[in-house]
């Protein structure tokens, strides 16, 4: 006698449910592990650039990686609140300021600087460029720093002026002789002589000499001796009268 075994539908349903439950369990496990791993290796970082805050999730280990992810190229002149090699921490705030190029000409010598200061006054202090009260600056001290800014500084120096024998010392920059005399309220008369042209530039170690020329009318009384002149008197001519015919 032969026995025919048929399929057990209960067993089939049980196996399917078991497989689905196993797969779901594995999925949840993998998702949980992945979430934990993601949370472990990622950090939320805020980068403040030019006053604007950028929040980002990063998997970078160092600050340099965060900047690379944001496409920010940090040069040696830029200002960064942390070191590029610092380890990234969750909640880290990074402040970044890009350096601006500034050209300064001092007494005809030009030098290029890179700065993150806000205005000219802060820049001069930061670079230890001292100004005296007589120096001449081509821009305002409160002018904002912008990329490509260029300005000049004329350093003052001593100049001696001999005005008709009276010597005085003053501070001057690379201005003209005429402008310097005008600033000092020194007026030249028509016949005065100057050892330089009014359009000449004032130079170091050079004296300016003014020779005052005065023209005066002088009246002088001169005694002239009297001279005696003898003149001969001519005798009058006497005409004879003719007798009438």
C-alpha atoms as a PDB file:
ATOM      1  CA  UNK A   1       0.000   0.000   0.000  1.00  0.00           C
ATOM      2  CA  UNK A   2       1.344   3.351  -0.976  1.00  0.00           C
ATOM      3  CA  UNK A   3       0.884   6.531   1.013  1.00  0.00           C
ATOM      4  CA  UNK A   4       0.805   9.928  -0.749  1.00  0.00           C
ATOM      5  CA  UNK A   5       2.069  12.804   1.279  1.00  0.00           C
ATOM      6  CA  UNK A   6       0.447  16.141   0.547  1.00  0.00           C
ATOM      7  CA  UNK A   7       1.711  19.668   1.300  1.00  0.00           C
ATOM      8  CA  UNK A   8       1.005  21.137   4.721  1.00  0.00           C
ATOM      9  CA  UNK A   9      -0.451  24.623   4.172  1.00  0.00           C
ATOM     10  CA  UNK A  10      -0.030  25.583   7.827  1.00  0.00           C
ATOM     11  CA  UNK A  11       3.645  24.788   7.714  1.00  0.00           C
ATOM     12  CA  UNK A  12       4.095  26.910   4.547  1.00  0.00           C
ATOM     13  CA  UNK A  13       2.404  29.954   6.073  1.00  0.00           C
ATOM     14  CA  UNK A  14       4.475  29.565   9.193  1.00  0.00           C
ATOM     15  CA  UNK A  15       7.695  29.474   7.232  1.00  0.00           C
ATOM     16  CA  UNK A  16       6.764  32.595   5.226  1.00  0.00           C
ATOM     17  CA  UNK A  17       5.904  34.569   8.340  1.00  0.00           C
ATOM     18  CA  UNK A  18       9.084  33.458   9.984  1.00  0.00           C
ATOM     19  CA  UNK A  19      11.145  34.550   7.020  1.00  0.00           C
ATOM     20  CA  UNK A  20       9.433  37.981   6.861  1.00  0.00           C
ATOM     21  CA  UNK A  21       9.884  38.448  10.587  1.00  0.00           C
ATOM     22  CA  UNK A  22      13.533  37.528  10.309  1.00  0.00           C
ATOM     23  CA  UNK A  23      14.055  39.927   7.424  1.00  0.00           C
ATOM     24  CA  UNK A  24      12.285  42.713   9.291  1.00  0.00           C
ATOM     25  CA  UNK A  25      14.407  42.053  12.348  1.00  0.00           C
ATOM     26  CA  UNK A  26      17.569  42.159  10.284  1.00  0.00           C
ATOM     27  CA  UNK A  27      16.438  45.370   8.579  1.00  0.00           C
ATOM     28  CA  UNK A  28      15.709  47.062  11.880  1.00  0.00           C
ATOM     29  CA  UNK A  29      19.023  45.875  13.257  1.00  0.00           C
ATOM     30  CA  UNK A  30      20.950  47.146  10.251  1.00  0.00           C
ATOM     31  CA  UNK A  31      19.071  50.447  10.283  1.00  0.00           C
ATOM     32  CA  UNK A  32      19.736  50.854  14.002  1.00  0.00           C
ATOM     33  CA  UNK A  33      23.408  50.066  13.603  1.00  0.00           C
ATOM     34  CA  UNK A  34      23.660  52.375  10.601  1.00  0.00           C
ATOM     35  CA  UNK A  35      21.935  55.186  12.495  1.00  0.00           C
ATOM     36  CA  UNK A  36      24.219  54.722  15.468  1.00  0.00           C
ATOM     37  CA  UNK A  37      27.243  54.618  13.187  1.00  0.00           C
ATOM     38  CA  UNK A  38      26.036  57.709  11.287  1.00  0.00           C
ATOM     39  CA  UNK A  39      25.461  59.598  14.502  1.00  0.00           C
ATOM     40  CA  UNK A  40      28.853  58.504  15.709  1.00  0.00           C
ATOM     41  CA  UNK A  41      30.844  59.597  12.657  1.00  0.00           C
ATOM     42  CA  UNK A  42      28.889  62.777  11.748  1.00  0.00           C
ATOM     43  CA  UNK A  43      28.854  66.143  13.459  1.00  0.00           C
ATOM     44  CA  UNK A  44      26.836  69.318  13.030  1.00  0.00           C
ATOM     45  CA  UNK A  45      29.158  72.256  12.429  1.00  0.00           C
ATOM     46  CA  UNK A  46      28.451  75.966  11.935  1.00  0.00           C
ATOM     47  CA  UNK A  47      30.752  78.056   9.755  1.00  0.00           C
ATOM     48  CA  UNK A  48      30.447  81.853   9.936  1.00  0.00           C
ATOM     49  CA  UNK A  49      31.762  83.463   6.748  1.00  0.00           C
ATOM     50  CA  UNK A  50      31.509  87.214   6.139  1.00  0.00           C
ATOM     51  CA  UNK A  51      28.818  87.448   8.813  1.00  0.00           C
ATOM     52  CA  UNK A  52      26.703  84.657   7.300  1.00  0.00           C
ATOM     53  CA  UNK A  53      26.260  81.382   9.187  1.00  0.00           C
ATOM     54  CA  UNK A  54      26.339  78.066   7.340  1.00  0.00           C
ATOM     55  CA  UNK A  55      25.221  74.922   9.206  1.00  0.00           C
ATOM     56  CA  UNK A  56      26.295  71.564   7.828  1.00  0.00           C
ATOM     57  CA  UNK A  57      26.493  67.885   8.748  1.00  0.00           C
ATOM     58  CA  UNK A  58      29.956  66.539   8.140  1.00  0.00           C
ATOM     59  CA  UNK A  59      31.793  63.260   8.324  1.00  0.00           C
ATOM     60  CA  UNK A  60      35.177  64.984   8.224  1.00  0.00           C
ATOM     61  CA  UNK A  61      37.576  64.324  11.051  1.00  0.00           C
ATOM     62  CA  UNK A  62      39.459  67.629  10.784  1.00  0.00           C
ATOM     63  CA  UNK A  63      38.447  71.242  10.195  1.00  0.00           C
ATOM     64  CA  UNK A  64      40.301  71.227   6.874  1.00  0.00           C
ATOM     65  CA  UNK A  65      37.892  68.552   5.647  1.00  0.00           C
ATOM     66  CA  UNK A  66      34.874  70.670   6.609  1.00  0.00           C
ATOM     67  CA  UNK A  67      36.246  73.629   4.673  1.00  0.00           C
ATOM     68  CA  UNK A  68      36.902  71.405   1.671  1.00  0.00           C
ATOM     69  CA  UNK A  69      33.317  70.096   1.794  1.00  0.00           C
ATOM     70  CA  UNK A  70      32.038  73.688   1.729  1.00  0.00           C
ATOM     71  CA  UNK A  71      34.392  74.664  -1.108  1.00  0.00           C
ATOM     72  CA  UNK A  72      36.208  77.250   1.014  1.00  0.00           C
ATOM     73  CA  UNK A  73      39.908  77.561   0.186  1.00  0.00           C
ATOM     74  CA  UNK A  74      41.771  78.879   3.211  1.00  0.00           C
ATOM     75  CA  UNK A  75      45.003  80.769   2.475  1.00  0.00           C
ATOM     76  CA  UNK A  76      47.771  81.516   4.960  1.00  0.00           C
ATOM     77  CA  UNK A  77      46.635  85.157   5.191  1.00  0.00           C
ATOM     78  CA  UNK A  78      43.005  84.332   6.048  1.00  0.00           C
ATOM     79  CA  UNK A  79      41.690  84.469   9.596  1.00  0.00           C
ATOM     80  CA  UNK A  80      40.350  81.179  11.032  1.00  0.00           C
ATOM     81  CA  UNK A  81      39.128  80.870  14.616  1.00  0.00           C
ATOM     82  CA  UNK A  82      40.419  77.287  14.866  1.00  0.00           C
ATOM     83  CA  UNK A  83      43.349  75.403  13.408  1.00  0.00           C
ATOM     84  CA  UNK A  84      42.875  73.472  10.181  1.00  0.00           C
ATOM     85  CA  UNK A  85      44.226  70.353  11.917  1.00  0.00           C
ATOM     86  CA  UNK A  86      41.802  70.568  14.845  1.00  0.00           C
ATOM     87  CA  UNK A  87      39.444  67.626  15.328  1.00  0.00           C
ATOM     88  CA  UNK A  88      35.819  68.224  14.397  1.00  0.00           C
ATOM     89  CA  UNK A  89      33.366  68.210  17.287  1.00  0.00           C
ATOM     90  CA  UNK A  90      29.602  68.214  17.237  1.00  0.00           C
ATOM     91  CA  UNK A  91      28.292  71.749  17.694  1.00  0.00           C
ATOM     92  CA  UNK A  92      31.622  73.323  16.690  1.00  0.00           C
ATOM     93  CA  UNK A  93      31.498  76.951  15.474  1.00  0.00           C
ATOM     94  CA  UNK A  94      34.158  78.010  12.959  1.00  0.00           C
ATOM     95  CA  UNK A  95      34.643  81.706  12.128  1.00  0.00           C
ATOM     96  CA  UNK A  96      36.350  82.422   8.802  1.00  0.00           C
ATOM     97  CA  UNK A  97      37.400  85.791   7.353  1.00  0.00           C
ATOM     98  CA  UNK A  98      39.032  86.036   3.955  1.00  0.00           C
ATOM     99  CA  UNK A  99      42.066  88.330   3.713  1.00  0.00           C
ATOM    100  CA  UNK A 100      41.915  91.379   1.413  1.00  0.00           C
ATOM    101  CA  UNK A 101      44.824  92.650  -0.693  1.00  0.00           C
ATOM    102  CA  UNK A 102      45.979  96.201   0.077  1.00  0.00           C
ATOM    103  CA  UNK A 103      48.732  98.211  -1.614  1.00  0.00           C
ATOM    104  CA  UNK A 104      50.478 100.949   0.370  1.00  0.00           C
ATOM    105  CA  UNK A 105      52.953 103.430  -1.126  1.00  0.00           C
ATOM    106  CA  UNK A 106      55.204 105.149   1.415  1.00  0.00           C
ATOM    107  CA  UNK A 107      57.533 107.793  -0.031  1.00  0.00           C
ATOM    108  CA  UNK A 108      57.350 106.246  -3.530  1.00  0.00           C
ATOM    109  CA  UNK A 109      57.966 102.676  -2.277  1.00  0.00           C
ATOM    110  CA  UNK A 110      55.005 100.328  -2.801  1.00  0.00           C
ATOM    111  CA  UNK A 111      54.335  97.219  -0.712  1.00  0.00           C
ATOM    112  CA  UNK A 112      51.497  94.681  -0.896  1.00  0.00           C
ATOM    113  CA  UNK A 113      49.748  93.513   2.279  1.00  0.00           C
ATOM    114  CA  UNK A 114      46.999  91.002   3.079  1.00  0.00           C
ATOM    115  CA  UNK A 115      44.699  91.891   5.942  1.00  0.00           C
ATOM    116  CA  UNK A 116      41.458  90.890   7.659  1.00  0.00           C
ATOM    117  CA  UNK A 117      41.040  94.208   9.504  1.00  0.00           C
ATOM    118  CA  UNK A 118      37.928  96.314   8.938  1.00  0.00           C
ATOM    119  CA  UNK A 119      39.274  99.823   8.242  1.00  0.00           C
ATOM    120  CA  UNK A 120      42.462 101.726   7.413  1.00  0.00           C
ATOM    121  CA  UNK A 121      43.123 102.762  11.020  1.00  0.00           C
ATOM    122  CA  UNK A 122      43.011  99.157  12.248  1.00  0.00           C
ATOM    123  CA  UNK A 123      45.165  98.079   9.320  1.00  0.00           C
ATOM    124  CA  UNK A 124      47.902 100.631  10.121  1.00  0.00           C
ATOM    125  CA  UNK A 125      47.896  99.588  13.770  1.00  0.00           C
ATOM    126  CA  UNK A 126      48.004  95.902  12.855  1.00  0.00           C
ATOM    127  CA  UNK A 127      50.956  96.429  10.503  1.00  0.00           C
ATOM    128  CA  UNK A 128      52.743  98.821  12.934  1.00  0.00           C
ATOM    129  CA  UNK A 129      52.757 101.662  10.392  1.00  0.00           C
ATOM    130  CA  UNK A 130      53.021 104.824  12.483  1.00  0.00           C
ATOM    131  CA  UNK A 131      51.721 108.211  11.343  1.00  0.00           C
ATOM    132  CA  UNK A 132      52.833 111.548  12.735  1.00  0.00           C
ATOM    133  CA  UNK A 133      50.573 114.566  12.796  1.00  0.00           C
ATOM    134  CA  UNK A 134      52.494 116.030   9.846  1.00  0.00           C
ATOM    135  CA  UNK A 135      52.376 112.935   7.621  1.00  0.00           C
ATOM    136  CA  UNK A 136      50.019 113.001   4.653  1.00  0.00           C
ATOM    137  CA  UNK A 137      47.543 110.121   4.115  1.00  0.00           C
ATOM    138  CA  UNK A 138      45.622 109.906   0.830  1.00  0.00           C
ATOM    139  CA  UNK A 139      42.535 108.200   2.366  1.00  0.00           C
ATOM    140  CA  UNK A 140      40.434 108.638   5.486  1.00  0.00           C
ATOM    141  CA  UNK A 141      41.417 106.589   8.530  1.00  0.00           C
ATOM    142  CA  UNK A 142      37.845 105.284   8.822  1.00  0.00           C
ATOM    143  CA  UNK A 143      37.680 104.028   5.231  1.00  0.00           C
ATOM    144  CA  UNK A 144      36.592 100.378   4.997  1.00  0.00           C
ATOM    145  CA  UNK A 145      39.129  97.853   3.772  1.00  0.00           C
ATOM    146  CA  UNK A 146      38.201  96.318   0.436  1.00  0.00           C
ATOM    147  CA  UNK A 147      40.086  93.999  -1.870  1.00  0.00           C
ATOM    148  CA  UNK A 148      42.462  95.945  -4.123  1.00  0.00           C
ATOM    149  CA  UNK A 149      42.504  99.102  -1.971  1.00  0.00           C
ATOM    150  CA  UNK A 150      45.548 101.313  -2.656  1.00  0.00           C
ATOM    151  CA  UNK A 151      46.647 104.471  -0.840  1.00  0.00           C
ATOM    152  CA  UNK A 152      49.766 106.574  -0.254  1.00  0.00           C
ATOM    153  CA  UNK A 153      51.569 107.975   2.769  1.00  0.00           C
ATOM    154  CA  UNK A 154      53.934 110.931   2.522  1.00  0.00           C
ATOM    155  CA  UNK A 155      56.232 111.014   5.539  1.00  0.00           C
ATOM    156  CA  UNK A 156      57.020 114.498   6.846  1.00  0.00           C
ATOM    157  CA  UNK A 157      60.596 115.795   7.240  1.00  0.00           C
ATOM    158  CA  UNK A 158      62.302 118.958   8.502  1.00  0.00           C
ATOM    159  CA  UNK A 159      62.909 121.911   6.206  1.00  0.00           C
ATOM    160  CA  UNK A 160      64.831 125.092   7.025  1.00  0.00           C
ATOM    161  CA  UNK A 161      63.615 128.383   5.596  1.00  0.00           C
ATOM    162  CA  UNK A 162      65.819 131.482   5.616  1.00  0.00           C
ATOM    163  CA  UNK A 163      63.452 134.391   5.170  1.00  0.00           C
ATOM    164  CA  UNK A 164      65.496 137.529   4.759  1.00  0.00           C
ATOM    165  CA  UNK A 165      68.027 136.446   7.383  1.00  0.00           C
ATOM    166  CA  UNK A 166      65.468 135.010   9.784  1.00  0.00           C
ATOM    167  CA  UNK A 167      65.666 131.199   9.935  1.00  0.00           C
ATOM    168  CA  UNK A 168      62.763 128.941  10.862  1.00  0.00           C
ATOM    169  CA  UNK A 169      62.346 125.147  10.842  1.00  0.00           C
ATOM    170  CA  UNK A 170      59.137 123.460   9.752  1.00  0.00           C
ATOM    171  CA  UNK A 171      57.822 120.005   8.793  1.00  0.00           C
ATOM    172  CA  UNK A 172      56.970 119.332   5.170  1.00  0.00           C
ATOM    173  CA  UNK A 173      55.996 116.507   2.854  1.00  0.00           C
ATOM    174  CA  UNK A 174      56.654 116.045  -0.837  1.00  0.00           C
ATOM    175  CA  UNK A 175      54.772 119.218  -1.723  1.00  0.00           C
ATOM    176  CA  UNK A 176      55.800 122.125  -3.919  1.00  0.00           C
ATOM    177  CA  UNK A 177      57.808 125.055  -2.600  1.00  0.00           C
ATOM    178  CA  UNK A 178      54.927 127.366  -3.456  1.00  0.00           C
ATOM    179  CA  UNK A 179      52.423 125.266  -1.483  1.00  0.00           C
ATOM    180  CA  UNK A 180      54.761 125.145   1.514  1.00  0.00           C
ATOM    181  CA  UNK A 181      55.206 128.931   1.558  1.00  0.00           C
ATOM    182  CA  UNK A 182      51.442 129.324   1.214  1.00  0.00           C
ATOM    183  CA  UNK A 183      50.825 126.994   4.177  1.00  0.00           C
ATOM    184  CA  UNK A 184      53.251 129.073   6.246  1.00  0.00           C
ATOM    185  CA  UNK A 185      51.671 132.387   5.138  1.00  0.00           C
ATOM    186  CA  UNK A 186      54.963 133.520   3.622  1.00  0.00           C
ATOM    187  CA  UNK A 187      54.307 135.971   0.788  1.00  0.00           C
ATOM    188  CA  UNK A 188      56.823 136.937  -1.851  1.00  0.00           C
ATOM    189  CA  UNK A 189      57.052 140.426  -3.249  1.00  0.00           C
ATOM    190  CA  UNK A 190      57.675 141.165  -6.899  1.00  0.00           C
ATOM    191  CA  UNK A 191      61.405 141.763  -6.557  1.00  0.00           C
ATOM    192  CA  UNK A 192      62.212 139.124  -3.889  1.00  0.00           C
ATOM    193  CA  UNK A 193      64.622 136.368  -4.884  1.00  0.00           C
ATOM    194  CA  UNK A 194      64.145 132.644  -4.124  1.00  0.00           C
ATOM    195  CA  UNK A 195      66.760 129.893  -4.481  1.00  0.00           C
ATOM    196  CA  UNK A 196      64.157 127.528  -5.990  1.00  0.00           C
ATOM    197  CA  UNK A 197      61.239 127.607  -8.380  1.00  0.00           C
ATOM    198  CA  UNK A 198      57.782 127.698  -6.829  1.00  0.00           C
ATOM    199  CA  UNK A 199      56.882 124.510  -8.757  1.00  0.00           C
ATOM    200  CA  UNK A 200      59.875 122.563  -7.402  1.00  0.00           C
ATOM    201  CA  UNK A 201      59.194 119.726  -4.977  1.00  0.00           C
ATOM    202  CA  UNK A 202      60.406 120.209  -1.429  1.00  0.00           C
ATOM    203  CA  UNK A 203      63.292 117.826  -0.752  1.00  0.00           C
ATOM    204  CA  UNK A 204      64.978 116.552   2.372  1.00  0.00           C
ATOM    205  CA  UNK A 205      68.154 118.298   3.586  1.00  0.00           C
ATOM    206  CA  UNK A 206      67.542 121.323   1.406  1.00  0.00           C
ATOM    207  CA  UNK A 207      67.174 124.852   2.710  1.00  0.00           C
ATOM    208  CA  UNK A 208      64.898 127.421   1.152  1.00  0.00           C
ATOM    209  CA  UNK A 209      66.364 130.908   1.022  1.00  0.00           C
ATOM    210  CA  UNK A 210      64.441 134.104   0.423  1.00  0.00           C
ATOM    211  CA  UNK A 211      66.269 137.338  -0.277  1.00  0.00           C
ATOM    212  CA  UNK A 212      64.031 140.306   0.369  1.00  0.00           C
ATOM    213  CA  UNK A 213      64.541 143.140  -2.097  1.00  0.00           C
ATOM    214  CA  UNK A 214      63.166 146.570  -1.207  1.00  0.00           C
ATOM    215  CA  UNK A 215      63.120 149.509  -3.571  1.00  0.00           C
ATOM    216  CA  UNK A 216      62.798 153.012  -2.076  1.00  0.00           C
ATOM    217  CA  UNK A 217      62.707 156.518  -3.489  1.00  0.00           C
ATOM    218  CA  UNK A 218      65.298 158.684  -1.796  1.00  0.00           C
ATOM    219  CA  UNK A 219      65.129 162.508  -1.936  1.00  0.00           C
ATOM    220  CA  UNK A 220      68.376 164.388  -1.341  1.00  0.00           C
ATOM    221  CA  UNK A 221      68.974 168.088  -1.242  1.00  0.00           C
ATOM    222  CA  UNK A 222      72.145 169.152  -3.042  1.00  0.00           C
ATOM    223  CA  UNK A 223      73.546 172.659  -2.691  1.00  0.00           C
ATOM    224  CA  UNK A 224      74.461 174.074  -6.063  1.00  0.00           C
ATOM    225  CA  UNK A 225      76.926 177.035  -5.907  1.00  0.00           C
ATOM    226  CA  UNK A 226      75.983 180.194  -7.755  1.00  0.00           C
ATOM    227  CA  UNK A 227      77.976 181.035 -10.846  1.00  0.00           C
ATOM    228  CA  UNK A 228      78.576 184.626 -12.074  1.00  0.00           C
ATOM    229  CA  UNK A 229      78.175 185.141 -15.749  1.00  0.00           C
ATOM    230  CA  UNK A 230      79.400 188.401 -17.356  1.00  0.00           C
ATOM    231  CA  UNK A 231      77.610 189.552 -20.445  1.00  0.00           C
ATOM    232  CA  UNK A 232      78.725 192.483 -22.633  1.00  0.00           C
ATOM    233  CA  UNK A 233      76.095 195.042 -23.322  1.00  0.00           C
ATOM    234  CA  UNK A 234      75.915 196.254 -26.905  1.00  0.00           C
ATOM    235  CA  UNK A 235      75.731 199.990 -27.551  1.00  0.00           C
ATOM    236  CA  UNK A 236      72.575 201.055 -29.337  1.00  0.00           C
ATOM    237  CA  UNK A 237      73.032 202.096 -32.945  1.00  0.00           C
ATOM    238  CA  UNK A 238      72.172 205.768 -33.498  1.00  0.00           C
ATOM    239  CA  UNK A 239      70.889 206.582 -36.961  1.00  0.00           C
ATOM    240  CA  UNK A 240      71.347 210.095 -38.354  1.00  0.00           C
ATOM    241  CA  UNK A 241      68.306 211.854 -39.510  1.00  0.00           C
ATOM    242  CA  UNK A 242      68.378 212.994 -43.149  1.00  0.00           C
ATOM    243  CA  UNK A 243      67.479 216.607 -44.049  1.00  0.00           C
ATOM    244  CA  UNK A 244      64.318 217.009 -46.001  1.00  0.00           C
ATOM    245  CA  UNK A 245      64.699 217.863 -49.706  1.00  0.00           C
END
